[in-house]
């Protein structure tokens, strides 16, 4: 009798392991296919910015601040300089495409892992992770105005998602190397520091919060100063306070644009309108980390208003994992209230 029960338990464990393996296999295959297709859309529909083309970024001659985003160009230069006996790996355009596919793929994988903190069932978080492509399409493919191709865009979302995961779990040993690497890719990593402050102030000791915030700010400024000195002779402005074409403060340009209805309509398209229910149903979100991390959106919009083009939807990319998770949690509560009962696994 006992032997029979043991055998049944082993069969049950095997069947569950097989089911999980099948879910992972299907997920990875679909994620890879969609990542490749998204890369093709990006390289076909998004032109290069004339002041920061891929070849200029490789040569170190792109305008500031775009040249400061050196991680991907440096990686590709390193691969080319090795001179591998595979001709295609010496083609910088192919390598940029390869990095894009890999970045999108791992972004989906990372986002699924982040979702697993809130949606326990692997089938659910696997399915929901593909909502990323809907948002990415609105932010990077659909925009006609300034819909340029920058190699740092997708990696920046990937690093931001990984940063959220590590902040959520407080894995500092991994977080700090990631923070350094990510800052060489794009300067928006400083918003991870803000998220940490918002998420844990009043919960952790102020001394600990101050220490980590100070460390991150020092690291961030050190990297920015190093890059500024490295590319000091490049054209453009180190801080994007002015529009390089018209030498007018971006604040005034954005203020002028906000007077027009078409601007508000364009801005409302950010991330495919998923932000719309969040201000109205903020209270529905049960996870404290997600709720507090949303506060960085206000700071983000202020910085964009002063330092960027408010109509360039790609400038809001780093907010995607924050806003999308909040949206999905709100939708879950709506479904629950509609009568659908989630099991404890969700």
C-alpha atoms as a PDB file:
ATOM      1  CA  UNK A   1       0.000   0.000   0.000  1.00  0.00           C
ATOM      2  CA  UNK A   2       2.790   2.375   0.952  1.00  0.00           C
ATOM      3  CA  UNK A   3       4.755   1.432  -2.159  1.00  0.00           C
ATOM      4  CA  UNK A   4       1.730   2.203  -4.341  1.00  0.00           C
ATOM      5  CA  UNK A   5       1.320   5.645  -2.767  1.00  0.00           C
ATOM      6  CA  UNK A   6       5.021   6.367  -3.278  1.00  0.00           C
ATOM      7  CA  UNK A   7       4.800   5.365  -6.943  1.00  0.00           C
ATOM      8  CA  UNK A   8       1.743   7.580  -7.444  1.00  0.00           C
ATOM      9  CA  UNK A   9       3.549  10.498  -5.805  1.00  0.00           C
ATOM     10  CA  UNK A  10       6.552   9.985  -8.102  1.00  0.00           C
ATOM     11  CA  UNK A  11       4.270   9.920 -11.162  1.00  0.00           C
ATOM     12  CA  UNK A  12       2.564  13.104 -10.005  1.00  0.00           C
ATOM     13  CA  UNK A  13       5.916  14.851  -9.523  1.00  0.00           C
ATOM     14  CA  UNK A  14       7.085  13.698 -12.958  1.00  0.00           C
ATOM     15  CA  UNK A  15       3.882  14.894 -14.650  1.00  0.00           C
ATOM     16  CA  UNK A  16       4.152  18.301 -12.981  1.00  0.00           C
ATOM     17  CA  UNK A  17       7.821  18.607 -13.946  1.00  0.00           C
ATOM     18  CA  UNK A  18       6.970  17.658 -17.526  1.00  0.00           C
ATOM     19  CA  UNK A  19       4.156  20.231 -17.635  1.00  0.00           C
ATOM     20  CA  UNK A  20       6.489  22.968 -16.358  1.00  0.00           C
ATOM     21  CA  UNK A  21       9.125  21.935 -18.895  1.00  0.00           C
ATOM     22  CA  UNK A  22       6.567  22.131 -21.709  1.00  0.00           C
ATOM     23  CA  UNK A  23       5.449  25.593 -20.567  1.00  0.00           C
ATOM     24  CA  UNK A  24       9.038  26.827 -20.513  1.00  0.00           C
ATOM     25  CA  UNK A  25       9.841  25.293 -23.894  1.00  0.00           C
ATOM     26  CA  UNK A  26       6.807  26.860 -25.595  1.00  0.00           C
ATOM     27  CA  UNK A  27       7.431  30.189 -23.854  1.00  0.00           C
ATOM     28  CA  UNK A  28      11.089  30.393 -24.935  1.00  0.00           C
ATOM     29  CA  UNK A  29      10.292  29.446 -28.548  1.00  0.00           C
ATOM     30  CA  UNK A  30       7.510  32.046 -28.845  1.00  0.00           C
ATOM     31  CA  UNK A  31       9.626  34.682 -27.096  1.00  0.00           C
ATOM     32  CA  UNK A  32      12.526  34.063 -29.492  1.00  0.00           C
ATOM     33  CA  UNK A  33      10.307  34.248 -32.594  1.00  0.00           C
ATOM     34  CA  UNK A  34       8.614  37.446 -31.445  1.00  0.00           C
ATOM     35  CA  UNK A  35      11.957  38.975 -30.461  1.00  0.00           C
ATOM     36  CA  UNK A  36      13.350  38.353 -33.930  1.00  0.00           C
ATOM     37  CA  UNK A  37      10.240  39.745 -35.600  1.00  0.00           C
ATOM     38  CA  UNK A  38      10.299  42.837 -33.385  1.00  0.00           C
ATOM     39  CA  UNK A  39      13.957  43.429 -34.283  1.00  0.00           C
ATOM     40  CA  UNK A  40      13.064  43.252 -37.978  1.00  0.00           C
ATOM     41  CA  UNK A  41      10.316  45.829 -37.477  1.00  0.00           C
ATOM     42  CA  UNK A  42      12.696  48.126 -35.613  1.00  0.00           C
ATOM     43  CA  UNK A  43      15.417  48.014 -38.243  1.00  0.00           C
ATOM     44  CA  UNK A  44      12.935  48.374 -41.109  1.00  0.00           C
ATOM     45  CA  UNK A  45      10.743  51.160 -39.719  1.00  0.00           C
ATOM     46  CA  UNK A  46      13.035  53.162 -37.411  1.00  0.00           C
ATOM     47  CA  UNK A  47      15.650  55.299 -39.188  1.00  0.00           C
ATOM     48  CA  UNK A  48      18.973  56.121 -37.592  1.00  0.00           C
ATOM     49  CA  UNK A  49      19.379  59.519 -35.985  1.00  0.00           C
ATOM     50  CA  UNK A  50      21.714  61.515 -38.289  1.00  0.00           C
ATOM     51  CA  UNK A  51      23.775  62.822 -35.343  1.00  0.00           C
ATOM     52  CA  UNK A  52      24.163  59.366 -33.790  1.00  0.00           C
ATOM     53  CA  UNK A  53      24.210  56.651 -36.421  1.00  0.00           C
ATOM     54  CA  UNK A  54      25.459  53.186 -35.542  1.00  0.00           C
ATOM     55  CA  UNK A  55      28.709  53.762 -37.420  1.00  0.00           C
ATOM     56  CA  UNK A  56      29.258  57.081 -35.593  1.00  0.00           C
ATOM     57  CA  UNK A  57      28.609  55.424 -32.238  1.00  0.00           C
ATOM     58  CA  UNK A  58      31.148  52.751 -33.172  1.00  0.00           C
ATOM     59  CA  UNK A  59      33.733  55.354 -34.157  1.00  0.00           C
ATOM     60  CA  UNK A  60      33.113  57.516 -31.097  1.00  0.00           C
ATOM     61  CA  UNK A  61      32.093  60.521 -33.229  1.00  0.00           C
ATOM     62  CA  UNK A  62      28.366  60.736 -32.412  1.00  0.00           C
ATOM     63  CA  UNK A  63      26.931  63.856 -30.813  1.00  0.00           C
ATOM     64  CA  UNK A  64      26.586  64.218 -27.072  1.00  0.00           C
ATOM     65  CA  UNK A  65      24.735  62.930 -25.079  1.00  0.00           C
ATOM     66  CA  UNK A  66      24.098  59.993 -27.457  1.00  0.00           C
ATOM     67  CA  UNK A  67      27.774  59.039 -27.556  1.00  0.00           C
ATOM     68  CA  UNK A  68      27.717  58.617 -23.779  1.00  0.00           C
ATOM     69  CA  UNK A  69      25.612  55.466 -24.277  1.00  0.00           C
ATOM     70  CA  UNK A  70      28.656  53.392 -25.114  1.00  0.00           C
ATOM     71  CA  UNK A  71      27.953  49.917 -23.757  1.00  0.00           C
ATOM     72  CA  UNK A  72      26.620  48.297 -26.934  1.00  0.00           C
ATOM     73  CA  UNK A  73      29.069  50.045 -29.333  1.00  0.00           C
ATOM     74  CA  UNK A  74      31.980  49.051 -27.096  1.00  0.00           C
ATOM     75  CA  UNK A  75      30.780  45.449 -26.945  1.00  0.00           C
ATOM     76  CA  UNK A  76      30.454  45.259 -30.725  1.00  0.00           C
ATOM     77  CA  UNK A  77      33.831  46.920 -31.279  1.00  0.00           C
ATOM     78  CA  UNK A  78      35.391  44.341 -28.949  1.00  0.00           C
ATOM     79  CA  UNK A  79      33.857  41.448 -30.901  1.00  0.00           C
ATOM     80  CA  UNK A  80      34.992  42.889 -34.235  1.00  0.00           C
ATOM     81  CA  UNK A  81      38.517  43.534 -32.949  1.00  0.00           C
ATOM     82  CA  UNK A  82      38.842  39.876 -31.928  1.00  0.00           C
ATOM     83  CA  UNK A  83      38.491  39.054 -35.649  1.00  0.00           C
ATOM     84  CA  UNK A  84      36.695  35.755 -35.271  1.00  0.00           C
ATOM     85  CA  UNK A  85      36.933  33.387 -38.281  1.00  0.00           C
ATOM     86  CA  UNK A  86      33.208  33.864 -38.939  1.00  0.00           C
ATOM     87  CA  UNK A  87      32.748  36.715 -41.450  1.00  0.00           C
ATOM     88  CA  UNK A  88      29.251  37.649 -40.329  1.00  0.00           C
ATOM     89  CA  UNK A  89      30.520  38.302 -36.788  1.00  0.00           C
ATOM     90  CA  UNK A  90      32.741  41.035 -38.225  1.00  0.00           C
ATOM     91  CA  UNK A  91      29.724  42.882 -39.634  1.00  0.00           C
ATOM     92  CA  UNK A  92      28.701  45.583 -37.172  1.00  0.00           C
ATOM     93  CA  UNK A  93      25.151  45.865 -38.541  1.00  0.00           C
ATOM     94  CA  UNK A  94      24.556  42.141 -38.002  1.00  0.00           C
ATOM     95  CA  UNK A  95      25.960  42.423 -34.476  1.00  0.00           C
ATOM     96  CA  UNK A  96      23.651  45.360 -33.646  1.00  0.00           C
ATOM     97  CA  UNK A  97      20.700  43.258 -34.840  1.00  0.00           C
ATOM     98  CA  UNK A  98      21.915  40.273 -32.841  1.00  0.00           C
ATOM     99  CA  UNK A  99      22.216  42.380 -29.675  1.00  0.00           C
ATOM    100  CA  UNK A 100      18.706  43.716 -30.301  1.00  0.00           C
ATOM    101  CA  UNK A 101      17.209  40.206 -30.595  1.00  0.00           C
ATOM    102  CA  UNK A 102      19.035  38.978 -27.496  1.00  0.00           C
ATOM    103  CA  UNK A 103      18.011  42.073 -25.530  1.00  0.00           C
ATOM    104  CA  UNK A 104      14.339  41.740 -26.451  1.00  0.00           C
ATOM    105  CA  UNK A 105      14.372  38.021 -25.648  1.00  0.00           C
ATOM    106  CA  UNK A 106      15.926  38.476 -22.217  1.00  0.00           C
ATOM    107  CA  UNK A 107      13.652  41.443 -21.566  1.00  0.00           C
ATOM    108  CA  UNK A 108      10.625  39.159 -21.981  1.00  0.00           C
ATOM    109  CA  UNK A 109      12.249  36.466 -19.827  1.00  0.00           C
ATOM    110  CA  UNK A 110      13.128  38.992 -17.115  1.00  0.00           C
ATOM    111  CA  UNK A 111       9.682  40.535 -17.208  1.00  0.00           C
ATOM    112  CA  UNK A 112       8.109  37.088 -16.773  1.00  0.00           C
ATOM    113  CA  UNK A 113      10.291  36.571 -13.708  1.00  0.00           C
ATOM    114  CA  UNK A 114       9.260  39.967 -12.320  1.00  0.00           C
ATOM    115  CA  UNK A 115       5.611  39.067 -12.920  1.00  0.00           C
ATOM    116  CA  UNK A 116       6.106  35.836 -10.974  1.00  0.00           C
ATOM    117  CA  UNK A 117       6.281  37.935  -7.782  1.00  0.00           C
ATOM    118  CA  UNK A 118       2.636  38.879  -8.316  1.00  0.00           C
ATOM    119  CA  UNK A 119       1.199  36.097 -10.530  1.00  0.00           C
ATOM    120  CA  UNK A 120       2.305  32.778  -9.086  1.00  0.00           C
ATOM    121  CA  UNK A 121       1.069  30.472 -11.825  1.00  0.00           C
ATOM    122  CA  UNK A 122       3.705  30.034 -14.537  1.00  0.00           C
ATOM    123  CA  UNK A 123       1.085  29.751 -17.273  1.00  0.00           C
ATOM    124  CA  UNK A 124      -0.360  33.119 -16.316  1.00  0.00           C
ATOM    125  CA  UNK A 125       2.917  35.043 -15.988  1.00  0.00           C
ATOM    126  CA  UNK A 126       4.202  33.427 -19.205  1.00  0.00           C
ATOM    127  CA  UNK A 127       1.162  34.619 -21.108  1.00  0.00           C
ATOM    128  CA  UNK A 128       1.138  38.076 -19.531  1.00  0.00           C
ATOM    129  CA  UNK A 129       4.824  38.634 -20.297  1.00  0.00           C
ATOM    130  CA  UNK A 130       3.968  38.895 -23.994  1.00  0.00           C
ATOM    131  CA  UNK A 131       1.948  42.048 -23.307  1.00  0.00           C
ATOM    132  CA  UNK A 132       5.358  43.727 -23.475  1.00  0.00           C
ATOM    133  CA  UNK A 133       5.230  43.579 -27.267  1.00  0.00           C
ATOM    134  CA  UNK A 134       1.986  45.556 -27.341  1.00  0.00           C
ATOM    135  CA  UNK A 135       3.610  48.334 -25.301  1.00  0.00           C
ATOM    136  CA  UNK A 136       6.922  48.215 -27.188  1.00  0.00           C
ATOM    137  CA  UNK A 137       5.063  48.528 -30.477  1.00  0.00           C
ATOM    138  CA  UNK A 138       3.385  51.758 -29.325  1.00  0.00           C
ATOM    139  CA  UNK A 139       6.566  53.268 -27.910  1.00  0.00           C
ATOM    140  CA  UNK A 140       9.108  52.253 -30.538  1.00  0.00           C
ATOM    141  CA  UNK A 141       7.470  51.168 -33.803  1.00  0.00           C
ATOM    142  CA  UNK A 142       4.302  53.238 -34.120  1.00  0.00           C
ATOM    143  CA  UNK A 143       5.610  56.798 -33.428  1.00  0.00           C
ATOM    144  CA  UNK A 144       6.277  58.802 -36.584  1.00  0.00           C
ATOM    145  CA  UNK A 145       7.825  61.772 -34.780  1.00  0.00           C
ATOM    146  CA  UNK A 146      11.412  61.083 -33.725  1.00  0.00           C
ATOM    147  CA  UNK A 147      10.940  57.340 -34.021  1.00  0.00           C
ATOM    148  CA  UNK A 148      14.665  56.818 -34.362  1.00  0.00           C
ATOM    149  CA  UNK A 149      16.656  53.644 -33.867  1.00  0.00           C
ATOM    150  CA  UNK A 150      19.014  53.809 -30.894  1.00  0.00           C
ATOM    151  CA  UNK A 151      20.932  50.630 -29.887  1.00  0.00           C
ATOM    152  CA  UNK A 152      20.615  51.553 -26.205  1.00  0.00           C
ATOM    153  CA  UNK A 153      16.803  51.581 -26.077  1.00  0.00           C
ATOM    154  CA  UNK A 154      15.902  47.920 -25.572  1.00  0.00           C
ATOM    155  CA  UNK A 155      18.894  47.141 -23.304  1.00  0.00           C
ATOM    156  CA  UNK A 156      17.866  50.094 -21.118  1.00  0.00           C
ATOM    157  CA  UNK A 157      14.423  48.533 -20.540  1.00  0.00           C
ATOM    158  CA  UNK A 158      16.073  45.173 -19.862  1.00  0.00           C
ATOM    159  CA  UNK A 159      18.469  46.669 -17.310  1.00  0.00           C
ATOM    160  CA  UNK A 160      15.643  48.616 -15.697  1.00  0.00           C
ATOM    161  CA  UNK A 161      13.540  45.457 -15.345  1.00  0.00           C
ATOM    162  CA  UNK A 162      16.478  43.565 -13.846  1.00  0.00           C
ATOM    163  CA  UNK A 163      17.080  46.509 -11.523  1.00  0.00           C
ATOM    164  CA  UNK A 164      13.476  46.365 -10.307  1.00  0.00           C
ATOM    165  CA  UNK A 165      13.846  42.638  -9.632  1.00  0.00           C
ATOM    166  CA  UNK A 166      17.042  43.133  -7.638  1.00  0.00           C
ATOM    167  CA  UNK A 167      15.604  46.087  -5.703  1.00  0.00           C
ATOM    168  CA  UNK A 168      12.495  44.063  -4.906  1.00  0.00           C
ATOM    169  CA  UNK A 169      14.659  41.246  -3.521  1.00  0.00           C
ATOM    170  CA  UNK A 170      17.418  43.564  -2.199  1.00  0.00           C
ATOM    171  CA  UNK A 171      20.177  41.604  -3.924  1.00  0.00           C
ATOM    172  CA  UNK A 172      22.832  44.297  -3.555  1.00  0.00           C
ATOM    173  CA  UNK A 173      25.789  42.116  -4.557  1.00  0.00           C
ATOM    174  CA  UNK A 174      24.255  41.685  -8.021  1.00  0.00           C
ATOM    175  CA  UNK A 175      22.522  45.059  -8.158  1.00  0.00           C
ATOM    176  CA  UNK A 176      25.644  47.245  -8.017  1.00  0.00           C
ATOM    177  CA  UNK A 177      27.525  45.573 -10.920  1.00  0.00           C
ATOM    178  CA  UNK A 178      24.293  45.757 -12.925  1.00  0.00           C
ATOM    179  CA  UNK A 179      23.920  49.437 -12.026  1.00  0.00           C
ATOM    180  CA  UNK A 180      27.453  50.186 -13.261  1.00  0.00           C
ATOM    181  CA  UNK A 181      27.016  48.294 -16.543  1.00  0.00           C
ATOM    182  CA  UNK A 182      23.556  49.768 -17.147  1.00  0.00           C
ATOM    183  CA  UNK A 183      24.780  53.332 -16.579  1.00  0.00           C
ATOM    184  CA  UNK A 184      27.275  52.903 -19.417  1.00  0.00           C
ATOM    185  CA  UNK A 185      24.286  51.994 -21.581  1.00  0.00           C
ATOM    186  CA  UNK A 186      21.983  54.869 -20.593  1.00  0.00           C
ATOM    187  CA  UNK A 187      21.914  57.506 -17.883  1.00  0.00           C
ATOM    188  CA  UNK A 188      18.333  56.721 -16.783  1.00  0.00           C
ATOM    189  CA  UNK A 189      19.635  54.249 -14.188  1.00  0.00           C
ATOM    190  CA  UNK A 190      19.498  57.115 -11.698  1.00  0.00           C
ATOM    191  CA  UNK A 191      15.730  56.559 -11.605  1.00  0.00           C
ATOM    192  CA  UNK A 192      16.364  53.127 -10.078  1.00  0.00           C
ATOM    193  CA  UNK A 193      17.894  54.983  -7.145  1.00  0.00           C
ATOM    194  CA  UNK A 194      14.722  57.067  -6.885  1.00  0.00           C
ATOM    195  CA  UNK A 195      12.587  53.922  -6.965  1.00  0.00           C
ATOM    196  CA  UNK A 196      14.626  52.406  -4.163  1.00  0.00           C
ATOM    197  CA  UNK A 197      14.107  55.544  -2.084  1.00  0.00           C
ATOM    198  CA  UNK A 198      10.352  55.688  -2.744  1.00  0.00           C
ATOM    199  CA  UNK A 199       9.880  51.948  -2.178  1.00  0.00           C
ATOM    200  CA  UNK A 200      11.685  51.650   1.137  1.00  0.00           C
ATOM    201  CA  UNK A 201      11.552  55.047   2.854  1.00  0.00           C
ATOM    202  CA  UNK A 202       9.638  54.614   6.098  1.00  0.00           C
ATOM    203  CA  UNK A 203      10.123  50.837   5.909  1.00  0.00           C
ATOM    204  CA  UNK A 204      13.900  50.454   6.200  1.00  0.00           C
ATOM    205  CA  UNK A 205      16.330  52.325   8.391  1.00  0.00           C
ATOM    206  CA  UNK A 206      17.055  55.812   7.082  1.00  0.00           C
ATOM    207  CA  UNK A 207      20.782  55.201   7.564  1.00  0.00           C
ATOM    208  CA  UNK A 208      20.692  52.188   5.255  1.00  0.00           C
ATOM    209  CA  UNK A 209      18.600  53.989   2.627  1.00  0.00           C
ATOM    210  CA  UNK A 210      20.909  57.021   2.706  1.00  0.00           C
ATOM    211  CA  UNK A 211      23.991  54.818   2.339  1.00  0.00           C
ATOM    212  CA  UNK A 212      22.681  52.977  -0.738  1.00  0.00           C
ATOM    213  CA  UNK A 213      21.310  56.134  -2.366  1.00  0.00           C
ATOM    214  CA  UNK A 214      24.613  57.951  -1.825  1.00  0.00           C
ATOM    215  CA  UNK A 215      26.625  55.039  -3.239  1.00  0.00           C
ATOM    216  CA  UNK A 216      24.491  54.917  -6.371  1.00  0.00           C
ATOM    217  CA  UNK A 217      24.607  58.673  -6.911  1.00  0.00           C
ATOM    218  CA  UNK A 218      28.407  58.701  -6.534  1.00  0.00           C
ATOM    219  CA  UNK A 219      28.791  55.802  -8.975  1.00  0.00           C
ATOM    220  CA  UNK A 220      26.425  57.467 -11.444  1.00  0.00           C
ATOM    221  CA  UNK A 221      28.238  60.823 -11.375  1.00  0.00           C
ATOM    222  CA  UNK A 222      31.652  59.130 -11.616  1.00  0.00           C
ATOM    223  CA  UNK A 223      30.640  57.260 -14.766  1.00  0.00           C
ATOM    224  CA  UNK A 224      29.024  60.351 -16.282  1.00  0.00           C
ATOM    225  CA  UNK A 225      32.139  62.440 -15.582  1.00  0.00           C
ATOM    226  CA  UNK A 226      34.394  59.751 -17.073  1.00  0.00           C
ATOM    227  CA  UNK A 227      32.299  59.644 -20.262  1.00  0.00           C
ATOM    228  CA  UNK A 228      32.151  63.429 -20.434  1.00  0.00           C
ATOM    229  CA  UNK A 229      35.943  63.656 -20.309  1.00  0.00           C
ATOM    230  CA  UNK A 230      36.310  60.813 -22.813  1.00  0.00           C
ATOM    231  CA  UNK A 231      34.079  62.499 -25.400  1.00  0.00           C
ATOM    232  CA  UNK A 232      34.635  66.137 -24.430  1.00  0.00           C
ATOM    233  CA  UNK A 233      35.466  67.149 -28.017  1.00  0.00           C
ATOM    234  CA  UNK A 234      32.356  65.573 -29.547  1.00  0.00           C
ATOM    235  CA  UNK A 235      29.710  67.941 -30.917  1.00  0.00           C
ATOM    236  CA  UNK A 236      26.469  68.493 -29.052  1.00  0.00           C
ATOM    237  CA  UNK A 237      25.618  69.224 -25.439  1.00  0.00           C
ATOM    238  CA  UNK A 238      26.494  67.024 -22.482  1.00  0.00           C
ATOM    239  CA  UNK A 239      23.197  67.940 -20.812  1.00  0.00           C
ATOM    240  CA  UNK A 240      20.182  68.129 -23.062  1.00  0.00           C
ATOM    241  CA  UNK A 241      18.796  71.428 -21.790  1.00  0.00           C
ATOM    242  CA  UNK A 242      18.720  72.929 -25.284  1.00  0.00           C
ATOM    243  CA  UNK A 243      17.508  71.689 -28.633  1.00  0.00           C
ATOM    244  CA  UNK A 244      20.654  71.271 -30.731  1.00  0.00           C
ATOM    245  CA  UNK A 245      18.901  72.316 -33.952  1.00  0.00           C
ATOM    246  CA  UNK A 246      17.327  75.547 -32.721  1.00  0.00           C
ATOM    247  CA  UNK A 247      19.357  76.318 -29.559  1.00  0.00           C
ATOM    248  CA  UNK A 248      16.132  76.831 -27.639  1.00  0.00           C
ATOM    249  CA  UNK A 249      15.623  75.417 -24.114  1.00  0.00           C
ATOM    250  CA  UNK A 250      13.658  72.181 -24.320  1.00  0.00           C
ATOM    251  CA  UNK A 251      11.477  73.379 -21.461  1.00  0.00           C
ATOM    252  CA  UNK A 252      10.079  76.156 -23.667  1.00  0.00           C
ATOM    253  CA  UNK A 253       9.594  73.813 -26.604  1.00  0.00           C
ATOM    254  CA  UNK A 254       7.705  71.293 -24.485  1.00  0.00           C
ATOM    255  CA  UNK A 255       5.664  74.046 -22.855  1.00  0.00           C
ATOM    256  CA  UNK A 256       4.721  75.369 -26.278  1.00  0.00           C
ATOM    257  CA  UNK A 257       3.801  71.885 -27.540  1.00  0.00           C
ATOM    258  CA  UNK A 258       1.522  71.222 -24.561  1.00  0.00           C
ATOM    259  CA  UNK A 259      -0.686  74.108 -25.652  1.00  0.00           C
ATOM    260  CA  UNK A 260      -1.872  72.065 -28.615  1.00  0.00           C
ATOM    261  CA  UNK A 261      -4.454  69.297 -28.487  1.00  0.00           C
ATOM    262  CA  UNK A 262      -2.477  67.158 -30.933  1.00  0.00           C
ATOM    263  CA  UNK A 263       0.385  67.048 -28.397  1.00  0.00           C
ATOM    264  CA  UNK A 264      -1.859  65.787 -25.626  1.00  0.00           C
ATOM    265  CA  UNK A 265      -3.348  63.224 -27.990  1.00  0.00           C
ATOM    266  CA  UNK A 266       0.126  61.998 -28.946  1.00  0.00           C
ATOM    267  CA  UNK A 267       1.277  61.808 -25.320  1.00  0.00           C
ATOM    268  CA  UNK A 268      -1.826  59.845 -24.341  1.00  0.00           C
ATOM    269  CA  UNK A 269      -0.610  57.039 -26.622  1.00  0.00           C
ATOM    270  CA  UNK A 270       2.333  56.284 -24.354  1.00  0.00           C
ATOM    271  CA  UNK A 271       2.503  52.494 -23.866  1.00  0.00           C
ATOM    272  CA  UNK A 272      -0.729  51.992 -25.753  1.00  0.00           C
ATOM    273  CA  UNK A 273      -2.928  53.863 -23.245  1.00  0.00           C
ATOM    274  CA  UNK A 274      -2.326  51.348 -20.441  1.00  0.00           C
ATOM    275  CA  UNK A 275      -1.516  54.201 -18.055  1.00  0.00           C
ATOM    276  CA  UNK A 276      -5.089  55.557 -18.228  1.00  0.00           C
ATOM    277  CA  UNK A 277      -6.722  53.460 -15.450  1.00  0.00           C
ATOM    278  CA  UNK A 278      -3.776  53.759 -13.052  1.00  0.00           C
ATOM    279  CA  UNK A 279      -4.508  57.250 -11.618  1.00  0.00           C
ATOM    280  CA  UNK A 280      -8.151  56.257 -11.069  1.00  0.00           C
ATOM    281  CA  UNK A 281      -7.557  52.784  -9.629  1.00  0.00           C
ATOM    282  CA  UNK A 282      -4.202  53.273  -7.907  1.00  0.00           C
ATOM    283  CA  UNK A 283      -5.798  52.161  -4.630  1.00  0.00           C
ATOM    284  CA  UNK A 284      -6.650  48.747  -6.131  1.00  0.00           C
ATOM    285  CA  UNK A 285      -2.968  47.751  -6.366  1.00  0.00           C
ATOM    286  CA  UNK A 286      -2.167  45.609  -3.343  1.00  0.00           C
ATOM    287  CA  UNK A 287       1.614  45.272  -3.683  1.00  0.00           C
ATOM    288  CA  UNK A 288       3.368  48.073  -1.828  1.00  0.00           C
ATOM    289  CA  UNK A 289       6.536  47.964  -3.956  1.00  0.00           C
ATOM    290  CA  UNK A 290       4.556  48.407  -7.167  1.00  0.00           C
ATOM    291  CA  UNK A 291       2.492  51.253  -5.702  1.00  0.00           C
ATOM    292  CA  UNK A 292       5.516  53.123  -4.392  1.00  0.00           C
ATOM    293  CA  UNK A 293       7.562  52.588  -7.565  1.00  0.00           C
ATOM    294  CA  UNK A 294       4.836  54.386  -9.527  1.00  0.00           C
ATOM    295  CA  UNK A 295       5.839  57.600  -7.751  1.00  0.00           C
ATOM    296  CA  UNK A 296       8.943  57.740  -9.934  1.00  0.00           C
ATOM    297  CA  UNK A 297       6.678  58.462 -12.926  1.00  0.00           C
ATOM    298  CA  UNK A 298       6.099  62.018 -11.687  1.00  0.00           C
ATOM    299  CA  UNK A 299       9.842  62.607 -11.359  1.00  0.00           C
ATOM    300  CA  UNK A 300      10.422  60.999 -14.750  1.00  0.00           C
ATOM    301  CA  UNK A 301       7.938  63.289 -16.508  1.00  0.00           C
ATOM    302  CA  UNK A 302       9.529  66.379 -14.941  1.00  0.00           C
ATOM    303  CA  UNK A 303      12.986  65.333 -16.129  1.00  0.00           C
ATOM    304  CA  UNK A 304      11.687  64.578 -19.649  1.00  0.00           C
ATOM    305  CA  UNK A 305      10.004  67.992 -19.710  1.00  0.00           C
ATOM    306  CA  UNK A 306      13.306  69.770 -19.007  1.00  0.00           C
ATOM    307  CA  UNK A 307      15.841  67.520 -20.741  1.00  0.00           C
ATOM    308  CA  UNK A 308      14.091  65.692 -23.589  1.00  0.00           C
ATOM    309  CA  UNK A 309      11.454  65.913 -26.276  1.00  0.00           C
ATOM    310  CA  UNK A 310       8.133  65.238 -24.559  1.00  0.00           C
ATOM    311  CA  UNK A 311       6.653  63.914 -27.829  1.00  0.00           C
ATOM    312  CA  UNK A 312       9.375  61.293 -28.274  1.00  0.00           C
ATOM    313  CA  UNK A 313       7.605  58.281 -26.778  1.00  0.00           C
ATOM    314  CA  UNK A 314      10.792  56.213 -26.562  1.00  0.00           C
ATOM    315  CA  UNK A 315      11.972  58.582 -23.816  1.00  0.00           C
ATOM    316  CA  UNK A 316       9.442  56.915 -21.508  1.00  0.00           C
ATOM    317  CA  UNK A 317      10.689  53.376 -22.155  1.00  0.00           C
ATOM    318  CA  UNK A 318      12.109  52.783 -18.685  1.00  0.00           C
ATOM    319  CA  UNK A 319       8.640  53.232 -17.191  1.00  0.00           C
ATOM    320  CA  UNK A 320       7.278  50.260 -19.162  1.00  0.00           C
ATOM    321  CA  UNK A 321       7.876  47.502 -16.554  1.00  0.00           C
ATOM    322  CA  UNK A 322       6.579  49.785 -13.780  1.00  0.00           C
ATOM    323  CA  UNK A 323       3.366  50.879 -15.485  1.00  0.00           C
ATOM    324  CA  UNK A 324       2.647  47.557 -17.212  1.00  0.00           C
ATOM    325  CA  UNK A 325       2.823  45.565 -13.963  1.00  0.00           C
ATOM    326  CA  UNK A 326       0.557  48.125 -12.255  1.00  0.00           C
ATOM    327  CA  UNK A 327      -1.915  47.875 -15.143  1.00  0.00           C
ATOM    328  CA  UNK A 328      -1.952  44.059 -15.025  1.00  0.00           C
ATOM    329  CA  UNK A 329      -2.534  44.045 -11.260  1.00  0.00           C
ATOM    330  CA  UNK A 330      -5.474  46.428 -11.687  1.00  0.00           C
ATOM    331  CA  UNK A 331      -6.912  44.210 -14.435  1.00  0.00           C
ATOM    332  CA  UNK A 332      -6.581  41.190 -12.141  1.00  0.00           C
ATOM    333  CA  UNK A 333      -8.681  42.929  -9.500  1.00  0.00           C
ATOM    334  CA  UNK A 334     -11.304  43.855 -12.102  1.00  0.00           C
ATOM    335  CA  UNK A 335     -11.518  40.209 -13.204  1.00  0.00           C
ATOM    336  CA  UNK A 336     -11.842  39.056  -9.607  1.00  0.00           C
ATOM    337  CA  UNK A 337     -14.662  41.493  -8.923  1.00  0.00           C
ATOM    338  CA  UNK A 338     -16.393  40.353 -12.114  1.00  0.00           C
ATOM    339  CA  UNK A 339     -16.771  36.932 -10.525  1.00  0.00           C
ATOM    340  CA  UNK A 340     -13.751  35.022 -11.758  1.00  0.00           C
ATOM    341  CA  UNK A 341     -12.044  33.326  -8.812  1.00  0.00           C
ATOM    342  CA  UNK A 342      -8.282  32.977  -8.917  1.00  0.00           C
ATOM    343  CA  UNK A 343      -6.818  29.986  -7.173  1.00  0.00           C
ATOM    344  CA  UNK A 344      -4.107  30.486  -4.587  1.00  0.00           C
ATOM    345  CA  UNK A 345      -1.519  29.736  -7.262  1.00  0.00           C
ATOM    346  CA  UNK A 346      -2.220  33.056  -9.000  1.00  0.00           C
END
